[in-house]
N, C-alpha and C. Protein backbone atom coordinates (compact mmCIF):
# COMPACT_ATOMS: atom_id res chain seq x y z
N VAL A 1 0.83 -1.16 0.01
CA VAL A 1 -0.01 -0.01 -0.05
C VAL A 1 0.85 1.15 0.00
N GLU A 2 0.41 2.28 -0.64
CA GLU A 2 1.18 3.56 -0.68
C GLU A 2 0.46 4.68 -0.02
N ALA A 3 1.24 5.58 0.58
CA ALA A 3 0.55 6.79 1.27
C ALA A 3 0.10 7.74 0.26
N ASP A 4 -0.99 8.47 0.59
CA ASP A 4 -1.47 9.50 -0.18
C ASP A 4 -0.57 10.80 0.05
N THR A 5 0.13 11.28 -0.84
CA THR A 5 1.03 12.46 -0.61
C THR A 5 0.47 13.74 -1.16
N THR A 6 -0.81 13.79 -1.37
CA THR A 6 -1.54 15.01 -1.72
C THR A 6 -1.49 16.04 -0.57
N ALA A 7 -0.85 17.12 -0.83
CA ALA A 7 -0.60 18.06 0.22
C ALA A 7 -1.85 18.97 0.54
N PRO A 8 -2.22 19.14 1.81
CA PRO A 8 -3.39 20.09 2.14
C PRO A 8 -2.97 21.55 1.74
N ASN A 9 -3.96 22.38 1.66
CA ASN A 9 -3.80 23.77 1.31
C ASN A 9 -2.74 24.38 2.25
N GLY A 10 -1.72 25.17 1.68
CA GLY A 10 -0.69 25.81 2.42
C GLY A 10 0.50 24.99 2.70
N PHE A 11 0.50 23.71 2.22
CA PHE A 11 1.57 22.79 2.56
C PHE A 11 2.12 22.24 1.25
N VAL A 12 3.34 21.65 1.34
CA VAL A 12 4.02 21.02 0.21
C VAL A 12 4.50 19.71 0.66
N PHE A 13 4.41 18.62 -0.07
CA PHE A 13 4.91 17.31 0.29
C PHE A 13 6.44 17.37 0.24
N ASN A 14 7.04 16.75 1.22
CA ASN A 14 8.57 16.68 1.31
C ASN A 14 8.91 15.23 1.41
N PRO A 15 9.29 14.59 0.35
CA PRO A 15 9.64 13.17 0.30
C PRO A 15 11.00 12.91 0.94
N ASP A 16 11.77 13.87 1.27
CA ASP A 16 13.16 13.70 1.69
C ASP A 16 13.23 13.84 3.25
N THR A 17 12.16 14.09 3.94
CA THR A 17 12.23 14.13 5.48
C THR A 17 12.60 12.83 6.00
N GLU A 18 13.51 12.89 6.95
CA GLU A 18 13.95 11.72 7.61
C GLU A 18 12.87 11.08 8.41
N GLY A 19 12.67 9.79 8.29
CA GLY A 19 11.58 9.06 8.90
C GLY A 19 10.40 8.85 8.11
N SER A 20 10.42 9.32 6.81
CA SER A 20 9.30 9.04 5.98
C SER A 20 9.08 7.60 5.65
N VAL A 21 7.90 7.13 5.65
CA VAL A 21 7.56 5.85 5.24
C VAL A 21 6.38 5.97 4.28
N LEU A 22 6.58 5.80 3.01
CA LEU A 22 5.60 6.16 2.00
C LEU A 22 4.88 4.89 1.48
N LYS A 23 5.42 3.73 1.68
CA LYS A 23 4.63 2.51 1.31
C LYS A 23 5.12 1.27 2.14
N GLY A 24 4.32 0.33 2.17
CA GLY A 24 4.68 -0.92 2.87
C GLY A 24 3.62 -1.94 2.68
N THR A 25 3.82 -3.11 3.37
CA THR A 25 2.88 -4.23 3.22
C THR A 25 2.05 -4.30 4.49
N ILE A 26 0.73 -4.43 4.31
CA ILE A 26 -0.17 -4.52 5.55
C ILE A 26 0.12 -5.77 6.22
N GLN A 27 0.32 -5.64 7.56
CA GLN A 27 0.61 -6.81 8.37
C GLN A 27 -0.71 -7.13 9.13
N ALA A 28 -0.75 -8.43 9.48
CA ALA A 28 -1.88 -8.88 10.13
C ALA A 28 -2.06 -8.35 11.45
N ASP A 29 -0.98 -7.86 12.16
CA ASP A 29 -1.05 -7.34 13.45
C ASP A 29 -1.34 -5.78 13.49
N GLY A 30 -1.42 -5.23 12.20
CA GLY A 30 -1.63 -3.83 12.14
C GLY A 30 -0.46 -2.90 12.46
N SER A 31 0.70 -3.51 12.38
CA SER A 31 1.87 -2.75 12.78
C SER A 31 2.44 -1.81 11.78
N LEU A 32 1.87 -1.88 10.52
CA LEU A 32 2.42 -1.00 9.45
C LEU A 32 1.93 0.44 9.73
N VAL A 33 2.88 1.34 9.77
CA VAL A 33 2.61 2.76 9.97
C VAL A 33 3.36 3.53 8.81
N LEU A 34 2.54 4.24 8.02
CA LEU A 34 3.09 5.07 6.89
C LEU A 34 3.25 6.46 7.47
N LYS A 35 4.32 7.09 7.30
CA LYS A 35 4.61 8.44 7.65
C LYS A 35 4.85 9.41 6.49
N VAL A 36 4.06 10.49 6.42
CA VAL A 36 4.23 11.38 5.21
C VAL A 36 4.40 12.77 5.89
N PHE A 37 5.40 13.41 5.49
CA PHE A 37 5.70 14.83 6.00
C PHE A 37 5.44 15.82 4.98
N PHE A 38 4.91 16.94 5.48
CA PHE A 38 4.70 18.13 4.71
C PHE A 38 5.31 19.44 5.29
N ASP A 39 5.83 20.20 4.38
CA ASP A 39 6.41 21.44 4.92
C ASP A 39 5.37 22.63 4.56
N ARG A 40 5.35 23.67 5.44
CA ARG A 40 4.52 24.76 5.16
C ARG A 40 5.12 25.54 4.07
N LYS A 41 4.23 26.05 3.17
CA LYS A 41 4.73 26.95 2.10
C LYS A 41 5.14 28.26 2.66
N SER A 42 6.06 28.90 1.92
CA SER A 42 6.59 30.19 2.31
C SER A 42 5.89 31.20 1.30
N TYR A 43 5.46 32.39 1.93
CA TYR A 43 4.80 33.30 1.10
C TYR A 43 5.52 34.70 1.37
N THR A 44 5.36 35.63 0.48
CA THR A 44 5.89 37.03 0.59
C THR A 44 4.79 37.89 0.77
N VAL A 45 5.07 38.81 1.87
CA VAL A 45 4.09 39.90 2.15
C VAL A 45 4.89 41.16 1.78
N THR A 46 4.32 41.94 0.80
CA THR A 46 4.96 43.14 0.24
C THR A 46 4.13 44.31 0.81
N PHE A 47 4.87 45.43 1.12
CA PHE A 47 4.21 46.59 1.63
C PHE A 47 4.39 47.77 0.70
N ASP A 48 3.33 48.38 0.28
CA ASP A 48 3.23 49.52 -0.50
C ASP A 48 3.06 50.71 0.43
N VAL A 49 4.14 51.48 0.63
CA VAL A 49 4.01 52.52 1.75
C VAL A 49 3.28 53.84 1.29
N ALA A 50 2.94 53.94 -0.01
CA ALA A 50 2.23 55.02 -0.49
C ALA A 50 2.81 56.42 -0.12
N GLY A 51 4.15 56.51 -0.36
CA GLY A 51 4.78 57.84 0.11
C GLY A 51 5.36 57.85 1.40
N GLY A 52 5.17 56.92 2.33
CA GLY A 52 5.71 56.75 3.59
C GLY A 52 7.12 56.23 3.60
N SER A 53 7.68 56.12 4.82
CA SER A 53 8.95 55.53 4.92
C SER A 53 8.97 54.11 4.51
N GLU A 54 10.13 53.63 3.95
CA GLU A 54 10.24 52.33 3.29
C GLU A 54 10.04 51.16 4.32
N VAL A 55 9.35 50.11 3.87
CA VAL A 55 9.12 48.84 4.80
C VAL A 55 9.57 47.70 3.87
N GLU A 56 10.57 46.80 4.41
CA GLU A 56 10.95 45.68 3.71
C GLU A 56 9.80 44.59 3.69
N ALA A 57 9.93 43.90 2.62
CA ALA A 57 8.95 42.72 2.46
C ALA A 57 9.19 41.66 3.56
N ILE A 58 8.22 41.00 3.95
CA ILE A 58 8.31 39.87 4.93
C ILE A 58 8.02 38.57 4.22
N THR A 59 8.90 37.57 4.63
CA THR A 59 8.71 36.21 4.22
C THR A 59 8.09 35.40 5.28
N ALA A 60 6.93 34.75 5.26
CA ALA A 60 6.24 34.17 6.24
C ALA A 60 5.72 32.75 5.75
N VAL A 61 5.65 31.80 6.63
CA VAL A 61 5.14 30.53 6.23
C VAL A 61 3.58 30.49 6.42
N TYR A 62 2.98 29.52 5.79
CA TYR A 62 1.46 29.46 5.92
C TYR A 62 1.09 29.36 7.32
N GLY A 63 0.13 30.17 7.64
CA GLY A 63 -0.38 30.21 9.01
C GLY A 63 0.25 30.98 10.05
N GLU A 64 1.32 31.65 9.60
CA GLU A 64 2.14 32.54 10.53
C GLU A 64 1.44 33.83 10.79
N ILE A 65 1.61 34.29 12.03
CA ILE A 65 0.95 35.56 12.38
C ILE A 65 2.17 36.70 12.33
N ILE A 66 2.04 37.65 11.62
CA ILE A 66 3.10 38.66 11.49
C ILE A 66 2.69 39.95 12.19
N ASP A 67 3.63 40.72 12.52
CA ASP A 67 3.51 42.07 13.21
C ASP A 67 3.20 43.16 12.18
N SER A 68 2.48 44.14 12.56
CA SER A 68 2.25 45.29 11.65
C SER A 68 3.54 46.15 11.68
N PRO A 69 4.10 46.31 10.47
CA PRO A 69 5.34 47.18 10.43
C PRO A 69 5.02 48.63 10.64
N GLU A 70 5.94 49.39 11.07
CA GLU A 70 5.74 50.83 11.22
C GLU A 70 6.30 51.66 10.02
N THR A 71 5.50 52.64 9.66
CA THR A 71 5.95 53.57 8.56
C THR A 71 5.43 54.97 8.93
N THR A 72 6.10 55.91 8.44
CA THR A 72 5.69 57.35 8.78
C THR A 72 5.67 58.20 7.46
N LYS A 73 4.86 59.18 7.51
CA LYS A 73 4.77 60.16 6.30
C LYS A 73 4.50 61.53 6.80
N THR A 74 5.34 62.44 6.49
CA THR A 74 5.30 63.82 6.92
C THR A 74 3.86 64.40 6.77
N GLY A 75 3.34 64.98 7.70
CA GLY A 75 2.01 65.69 7.51
C GLY A 75 0.80 64.73 7.45
N HIS A 76 1.03 63.47 7.81
CA HIS A 76 -0.01 62.55 7.71
C HIS A 76 -0.06 61.58 8.99
N ALA A 77 -1.27 61.07 9.16
CA ALA A 77 -1.45 60.13 10.26
C ALA A 77 -1.76 58.78 9.57
N PHE A 78 -1.15 57.77 10.03
CA PHE A 78 -1.15 56.40 9.54
C PHE A 78 -2.56 55.79 9.85
N ALA A 79 -3.21 55.33 8.86
CA ALA A 79 -4.62 54.73 9.09
C ALA A 79 -4.74 53.22 8.87
N GLY A 80 -3.58 52.53 8.73
CA GLY A 80 -3.57 51.12 8.66
C GLY A 80 -3.11 50.52 7.23
N TRP A 81 -2.94 49.24 7.28
CA TRP A 81 -2.56 48.54 6.04
C TRP A 81 -3.70 47.90 5.41
N TYR A 82 -3.96 48.01 4.10
CA TYR A 82 -5.11 47.59 3.38
C TYR A 82 -4.77 46.57 2.30
N THR A 83 -5.73 45.55 2.10
CA THR A 83 -5.45 44.58 1.15
C THR A 83 -5.80 45.11 -0.26
N GLU A 84 -5.53 44.26 -1.30
CA GLU A 84 -5.83 44.63 -2.57
C GLU A 84 -7.33 44.82 -2.86
N ALA A 85 -8.19 44.24 -1.95
CA ALA A 85 -9.62 44.33 -2.00
C ALA A 85 -10.03 45.62 -1.22
N ASP A 86 -9.04 46.34 -0.79
CA ASP A 86 -9.39 47.64 -0.05
C ASP A 86 -10.03 47.28 1.30
N GLU A 87 -9.62 46.23 1.90
CA GLU A 87 -10.13 45.93 3.23
C GLU A 87 -8.96 45.98 4.20
N LYS A 88 -9.11 46.62 5.44
CA LYS A 88 -8.15 46.71 6.36
C LYS A 88 -7.68 45.35 6.83
N PHE A 89 -6.33 45.13 6.79
CA PHE A 89 -5.88 43.80 7.13
C PHE A 89 -5.83 43.69 8.64
N ASN A 90 -6.29 42.52 9.13
CA ASN A 90 -6.18 42.20 10.55
C ASN A 90 -5.00 41.38 10.85
N PHE A 91 -4.07 41.93 11.56
CA PHE A 91 -2.77 41.24 11.84
C PHE A 91 -2.88 40.15 12.78
N SER A 92 -4.04 39.89 13.34
CA SER A 92 -4.23 38.61 14.17
C SER A 92 -4.58 37.41 13.24
N SER A 93 -4.80 37.79 11.99
CA SER A 93 -5.15 36.71 11.05
C SER A 93 -3.82 36.09 10.45
N PRO A 94 -3.83 34.87 10.13
CA PRO A 94 -2.62 34.21 9.65
C PRO A 94 -2.40 34.50 8.15
N VAL A 95 -1.11 34.42 7.71
CA VAL A 95 -0.78 34.59 6.44
C VAL A 95 -1.12 33.25 5.61
N VAL A 96 -1.93 33.43 4.52
CA VAL A 96 -2.25 32.28 3.74
C VAL A 96 -1.94 32.31 2.25
N GLY A 97 -1.10 33.29 1.92
CA GLY A 97 -0.69 33.43 0.52
C GLY A 97 0.14 34.70 0.38
N ASP A 98 0.72 34.85 -0.84
CA ASP A 98 1.39 36.13 -1.25
C ASP A 98 0.39 37.21 -1.23
N MET A 99 0.80 38.37 -0.74
CA MET A 99 -0.17 39.45 -0.78
C MET A 99 0.64 40.80 -0.62
N THR A 100 0.00 41.77 -1.11
CA THR A 100 0.52 43.17 -1.02
C THR A 100 -0.47 44.05 -0.16
N LEU A 101 0.21 44.60 0.79
CA LEU A 101 -0.63 45.53 1.71
C LEU A 101 -0.13 46.91 1.37
N THR A 102 -1.20 47.80 1.38
CA THR A 102 -0.95 49.14 1.02
C THR A 102 -1.29 50.07 2.23
N ALA A 103 -0.37 51.01 2.57
CA ALA A 103 -0.62 51.93 3.62
C ALA A 103 -1.71 53.03 3.23
N LYS A 104 -2.50 53.33 4.21
CA LYS A 104 -3.39 54.53 3.91
C LYS A 104 -3.17 55.49 4.93
N TRP A 105 -3.30 56.75 4.48
CA TRP A 105 -2.93 57.90 5.30
C TRP A 105 -4.05 58.95 5.43
N ASN A 106 -4.14 59.56 6.52
CA ASN A 106 -5.05 60.73 6.63
C ASN A 106 -4.19 62.00 6.88
N VAL A 107 -4.53 63.01 5.97
CA VAL A 107 -3.78 64.23 6.03
C VAL A 107 -4.09 64.95 7.39
N LEU A 108 -3.03 65.46 8.06
CA LEU A 108 -3.23 66.24 9.24
C LEU A 108 -4.04 67.57 9.02
N THR A 109 -4.91 67.76 9.96
CA THR A 109 -5.81 68.94 9.84
C THR A 109 -5.50 69.80 11.09
N GLY A 110 -6.19 70.94 11.19
CA GLY A 110 -6.01 71.74 12.29
C GLY A 110 -4.71 72.46 12.44
N LEU A 111 -3.85 72.53 11.35
CA LEU A 111 -2.60 73.20 11.51
C LEU A 111 -2.81 74.73 11.40
N PRO A 112 -2.01 75.45 12.24
CA PRO A 112 -2.36 76.85 12.36
C PRO A 112 -1.66 77.79 11.29
N PHE A 113 -2.25 78.82 11.00
CA PHE A 113 -1.61 79.93 10.18
C PHE A 113 -2.15 81.21 10.77
N ARG A 114 -1.36 82.25 10.44
CA ARG A 114 -1.85 83.67 10.72
C ARG A 114 -1.26 84.59 9.63
N ILE A 115 -2.12 85.63 9.38
CA ILE A 115 -1.75 86.66 8.30
C ILE A 115 -1.68 88.01 9.03
N GLU A 116 -0.64 88.62 8.99
CA GLU A 116 -0.41 89.91 9.61
C GLU A 116 -0.35 91.08 8.58
N TYR A 117 -1.13 92.13 8.91
CA TYR A 117 -1.22 93.30 8.02
C TYR A 117 -0.50 94.42 8.64
N TYR A 118 0.50 94.94 7.88
CA TYR A 118 1.20 96.17 8.41
C TYR A 118 0.97 97.31 7.50
N TYR A 119 0.75 98.41 8.14
CA TYR A 119 0.54 99.71 7.39
C TYR A 119 1.54 100.74 7.86
N MET A 120 2.00 101.57 7.00
CA MET A 120 2.98 102.56 7.18
C MET A 120 2.22 103.79 7.77
N ASP A 121 2.79 104.23 8.93
CA ASP A 121 2.16 105.58 9.52
C ASP A 121 2.76 106.74 8.60
N ILE A 122 1.75 107.52 8.15
CA ILE A 122 2.05 108.59 7.24
C ILE A 122 2.89 109.70 7.97
N ASN A 123 2.78 109.67 9.25
CA ASN A 123 3.59 110.69 9.97
C ASN A 123 5.03 110.35 10.29
N THR A 124 5.19 109.06 10.77
CA THR A 124 6.48 108.61 11.21
C THR A 124 7.17 107.69 10.21
N GLY A 125 6.46 107.09 9.31
CA GLY A 125 6.99 106.19 8.31
C GLY A 125 7.21 104.84 8.90
N GLU A 126 6.74 104.67 10.17
CA GLU A 126 6.83 103.41 10.75
C GLU A 126 5.76 102.35 10.31
N GLU A 127 6.19 101.14 10.10
CA GLU A 127 5.20 100.15 9.68
C GLU A 127 4.59 99.47 10.91
N LYS A 128 3.39 99.57 11.12
CA LYS A 128 2.68 99.13 12.31
C LYS A 128 1.78 98.01 11.95
N LEU A 129 1.71 96.96 12.86
CA LEU A 129 0.79 95.86 12.76
C LEU A 129 -0.62 96.33 13.11
N VAL A 130 -1.56 96.24 12.06
CA VAL A 130 -2.82 96.81 12.24
C VAL A 130 -3.88 95.65 12.44
N GLU A 131 -3.56 94.53 11.84
CA GLU A 131 -4.59 93.41 11.94
C GLU A 131 -3.96 92.11 11.81
N THR A 132 -4.41 91.16 12.65
CA THR A 132 -3.91 89.67 12.41
C THR A 132 -5.09 88.79 12.30
N VAL A 133 -4.97 87.98 11.17
CA VAL A 133 -6.03 87.05 10.93
C VAL A 133 -5.49 85.60 11.21
N ARG A 134 -6.21 84.85 11.98
CA ARG A 134 -5.78 83.48 12.36
C ARG A 134 -6.65 82.49 11.75
N GLY A 135 -6.11 81.25 11.54
CA GLY A 135 -6.95 80.21 11.01
C GLY A 135 -6.25 78.94 11.14
N THR A 136 -6.91 77.81 10.64
CA THR A 136 -6.29 76.49 10.60
C THR A 136 -6.62 75.88 9.27
N GLY A 137 -5.82 74.88 8.82
CA GLY A 137 -6.05 74.09 7.62
C GLY A 137 -5.45 72.85 7.61
N SER A 138 -5.26 72.16 6.45
CA SER A 138 -4.82 70.89 6.28
C SER A 138 -3.29 70.98 5.80
N TYR A 139 -2.54 69.97 6.16
CA TYR A 139 -1.13 69.94 5.66
C TYR A 139 -1.09 69.96 4.13
N GLY A 140 -0.22 70.82 3.63
CA GLY A 140 -0.07 70.97 2.18
C GLY A 140 -1.04 72.00 1.51
N GLN A 141 -2.01 72.48 2.36
CA GLN A 141 -3.05 73.39 1.81
C GLN A 141 -2.38 74.69 1.56
N VAL A 142 -2.76 75.34 0.34
CA VAL A 142 -2.20 76.63 -0.02
C VAL A 142 -3.15 77.68 0.59
N ILE A 143 -2.49 78.61 1.41
CA ILE A 143 -3.26 79.74 2.00
C ILE A 143 -3.00 80.96 1.28
N THR A 144 -4.09 81.62 0.85
CA THR A 144 -3.99 82.92 0.13
C THR A 144 -4.52 84.05 0.97
N ALA A 145 -3.75 85.13 1.19
CA ALA A 145 -4.12 86.22 1.93
C ALA A 145 -4.99 87.15 1.20
N ASP A 146 -5.91 87.84 1.80
CA ASP A 146 -6.70 88.83 1.15
C ASP A 146 -5.82 90.08 1.15
N ASP A 147 -5.49 90.62 0.05
CA ASP A 147 -4.61 91.81 -0.05
C ASP A 147 -5.30 93.03 -0.36
N THR A 148 -6.65 93.15 -0.06
CA THR A 148 -7.39 94.29 -0.18
C THR A 148 -6.99 95.34 0.83
N PRO A 149 -6.43 96.55 0.36
CA PRO A 149 -5.99 97.40 1.39
C PRO A 149 -7.02 98.32 2.06
N LEU A 150 -6.65 98.98 3.17
CA LEU A 150 -7.61 100.03 3.65
C LEU A 150 -7.69 101.23 2.68
N ASP A 151 -8.71 102.01 2.78
CA ASP A 151 -8.80 103.24 1.89
C ASP A 151 -7.50 103.98 1.98
N GLY A 152 -7.09 104.39 0.90
CA GLY A 152 -5.88 105.36 0.86
C GLY A 152 -4.51 104.65 0.89
N TYR A 153 -4.55 103.27 0.86
CA TYR A 153 -3.34 102.54 0.94
C TYR A 153 -3.24 101.62 -0.28
N GLU A 154 -1.96 101.09 -0.54
CA GLU A 154 -1.85 100.09 -1.62
C GLU A 154 -0.82 99.18 -1.20
N PHE A 155 -0.81 97.96 -1.71
CA PHE A 155 0.03 96.88 -1.38
C PHE A 155 1.43 97.21 -1.73
N ASP A 156 2.40 97.04 -0.86
CA ASP A 156 3.84 97.31 -1.15
C ASP A 156 4.58 96.06 -1.28
N ARG A 157 4.53 95.18 -0.35
CA ARG A 157 5.45 93.89 -0.45
C ARG A 157 4.86 92.91 0.49
N GLY A 158 5.47 91.69 0.45
CA GLY A 158 5.01 90.55 1.40
C GLY A 158 4.63 89.43 0.69
N ASN A 159 4.47 88.26 1.44
CA ASN A 159 3.98 86.96 0.87
C ASN A 159 2.62 86.84 0.99
N LYS A 160 1.89 86.83 -0.22
CA LYS A 160 0.39 86.69 -0.30
C LYS A 160 -0.07 85.23 -0.17
N THR A 161 0.84 84.25 -0.49
CA THR A 161 0.43 82.89 -0.36
C THR A 161 1.56 82.00 0.32
N GLY A 162 1.06 80.96 0.85
CA GLY A 162 2.09 80.03 1.49
C GLY A 162 1.36 78.68 1.62
N VAL A 163 2.24 77.61 1.91
CA VAL A 163 1.80 76.28 2.01
C VAL A 163 1.79 75.84 3.40
N LEU A 164 0.72 75.28 3.99
CA LEU A 164 0.74 74.84 5.36
C LEU A 164 1.61 73.65 5.57
N GLY A 165 2.51 73.76 6.62
CA GLY A 165 3.40 72.69 7.05
C GLY A 165 3.09 72.38 8.45
N LEU A 166 4.00 71.63 9.16
CA LEU A 166 3.80 71.28 10.56
C LEU A 166 3.96 72.47 11.43
N ASP A 167 4.86 73.45 11.09
CA ASP A 167 5.00 74.66 11.85
C ASP A 167 3.95 75.65 11.38
N GLU A 168 3.63 76.59 12.30
CA GLU A 168 2.68 77.65 12.07
C GLU A 168 3.15 78.53 10.78
N LEU A 169 2.23 78.67 9.82
CA LEU A 169 2.54 79.43 8.59
C LEU A 169 2.28 80.96 8.96
N VAL A 170 3.17 81.79 8.67
CA VAL A 170 2.96 83.18 8.87
C VAL A 170 3.16 84.02 7.63
N LEU A 171 2.12 84.71 7.16
CA LEU A 171 2.15 85.59 6.05
C LEU A 171 2.15 87.01 6.49
N LYS A 172 3.09 87.91 5.97
CA LYS A 172 3.16 89.24 6.33
C LYS A 172 2.97 90.10 5.11
N LEU A 173 1.98 90.97 5.08
CA LEU A 173 1.71 91.80 4.03
C LEU A 173 1.92 93.32 4.42
N PHE A 174 2.60 94.11 3.64
CA PHE A 174 2.92 95.48 3.97
C PHE A 174 2.26 96.39 3.02
N PHE A 175 1.59 97.53 3.55
CA PHE A 175 0.95 98.48 2.71
C PHE A 175 1.51 99.82 2.97
N GLN A 176 1.54 100.62 1.91
CA GLN A 176 1.97 102.01 2.07
C GLN A 176 0.90 102.94 1.57
N PRO A 177 1.06 104.28 2.13
CA PRO A 177 -0.02 105.30 1.72
C PRO A 177 0.08 105.46 0.18
N MET A 178 -0.98 105.78 -0.45
CA MET A 178 -1.03 106.07 -1.85
C MET A 178 -0.57 107.54 -2.00
N SER A 179 0.14 107.79 -3.11
CA SER A 179 0.52 109.19 -3.38
C SER A 179 -0.42 109.87 -4.27
N TYR A 180 -0.60 111.18 -4.09
CA TYR A 180 -1.57 112.02 -4.86
C TYR A 180 -0.83 113.21 -5.38
N SER A 181 -1.25 113.74 -6.46
CA SER A 181 -0.71 114.99 -6.93
C SER A 181 -1.81 116.08 -6.83
N ILE A 182 -1.40 117.25 -6.45
CA ILE A 182 -2.26 118.38 -6.40
C ILE A 182 -1.83 119.50 -7.36
N ILE A 183 -2.54 119.77 -8.27
CA ILE A 183 -2.16 120.72 -9.35
C ILE A 183 -2.97 122.04 -9.06
N PHE A 184 -2.25 123.15 -9.09
CA PHE A 184 -2.92 124.41 -8.79
C PHE A 184 -3.19 125.12 -10.17
N GLU A 185 -4.40 125.59 -10.41
CA GLU A 185 -4.77 126.41 -11.53
C GLU A 185 -4.83 127.90 -10.97
N THR A 186 -3.81 128.61 -11.47
CA THR A 186 -3.79 130.00 -10.93
C THR A 186 -4.60 131.06 -11.65
N ASN A 187 -5.20 130.65 -12.65
CA ASN A 187 -6.13 131.56 -13.51
C ASN A 187 -5.42 132.87 -13.80
N GLY A 188 -4.19 132.73 -14.32
CA GLY A 188 -3.42 134.07 -14.68
C GLY A 188 -2.56 134.55 -13.68
N GLY A 189 -2.58 133.94 -12.47
CA GLY A 189 -1.66 134.40 -11.47
C GLY A 189 -0.28 133.72 -11.59
N SER A 190 0.66 133.97 -10.80
CA SER A 190 2.02 133.40 -10.87
C SER A 190 1.88 131.95 -10.69
N GLU A 191 2.81 131.23 -11.45
CA GLU A 191 2.77 129.78 -11.50
C GLU A 191 3.13 129.27 -10.13
N VAL A 192 2.35 128.07 -9.79
CA VAL A 192 2.68 127.35 -8.51
C VAL A 192 3.06 125.90 -8.90
N ALA A 193 4.05 125.52 -8.32
CA ALA A 193 4.59 124.13 -8.69
C ALA A 193 3.61 123.05 -8.25
N GLU A 194 3.54 121.97 -9.07
CA GLU A 194 2.67 120.75 -8.64
C GLU A 194 3.23 120.29 -7.27
N TYR A 195 2.16 119.85 -6.49
CA TYR A 195 2.49 119.45 -5.16
C TYR A 195 2.17 117.89 -4.96
N GLY A 196 3.06 117.18 -4.51
CA GLY A 196 2.84 115.79 -4.21
C GLY A 196 2.56 115.66 -2.72
N ALA A 197 1.62 114.79 -2.36
CA ALA A 197 1.33 114.45 -1.00
C ALA A 197 0.86 113.05 -0.87
N LEU A 198 0.98 112.47 0.41
CA LEU A 198 0.46 111.16 0.70
C LEU A 198 -0.94 111.28 1.15
């Protein structure tokens, strides 16, 4: 009689294992014992970090429990490893085949920014902070400042846009008084020079 060497799922028949008894003659006393050995199959678990820090592939045997590897991505919170079927992988489940797990990330929110508006004093020439606008947004979000000046002023210089990072984004806009010309019509009188004023 010969042993059935058909391997169950996740295993492979190993005919070279010491102690194997694959065939024999049935004895009247029932002493014949056939011994068939199977090895667990090895599988590769690959990790797609989706922009995060690299994670090496893991080789695991059928039925093995693996640990969840760590990965990080600037400006994002890790949301778990997902299968090709877009299901979150449960690391208490055994490995049963080759698979690729993909990291999912949630962009960080609530990151602070402030916009400071400076206006030049027409008397002293000093640039004074007149208004501060504060807010929050998401990592990588482009913040655009409202550059509409107060009456009688015009934009001079500063950063109108910026990208939110982990540190507070600060935009500073500077405004200067508008210049005007005053022309005197003398109606036949002596000429008066044009006068410029803020």
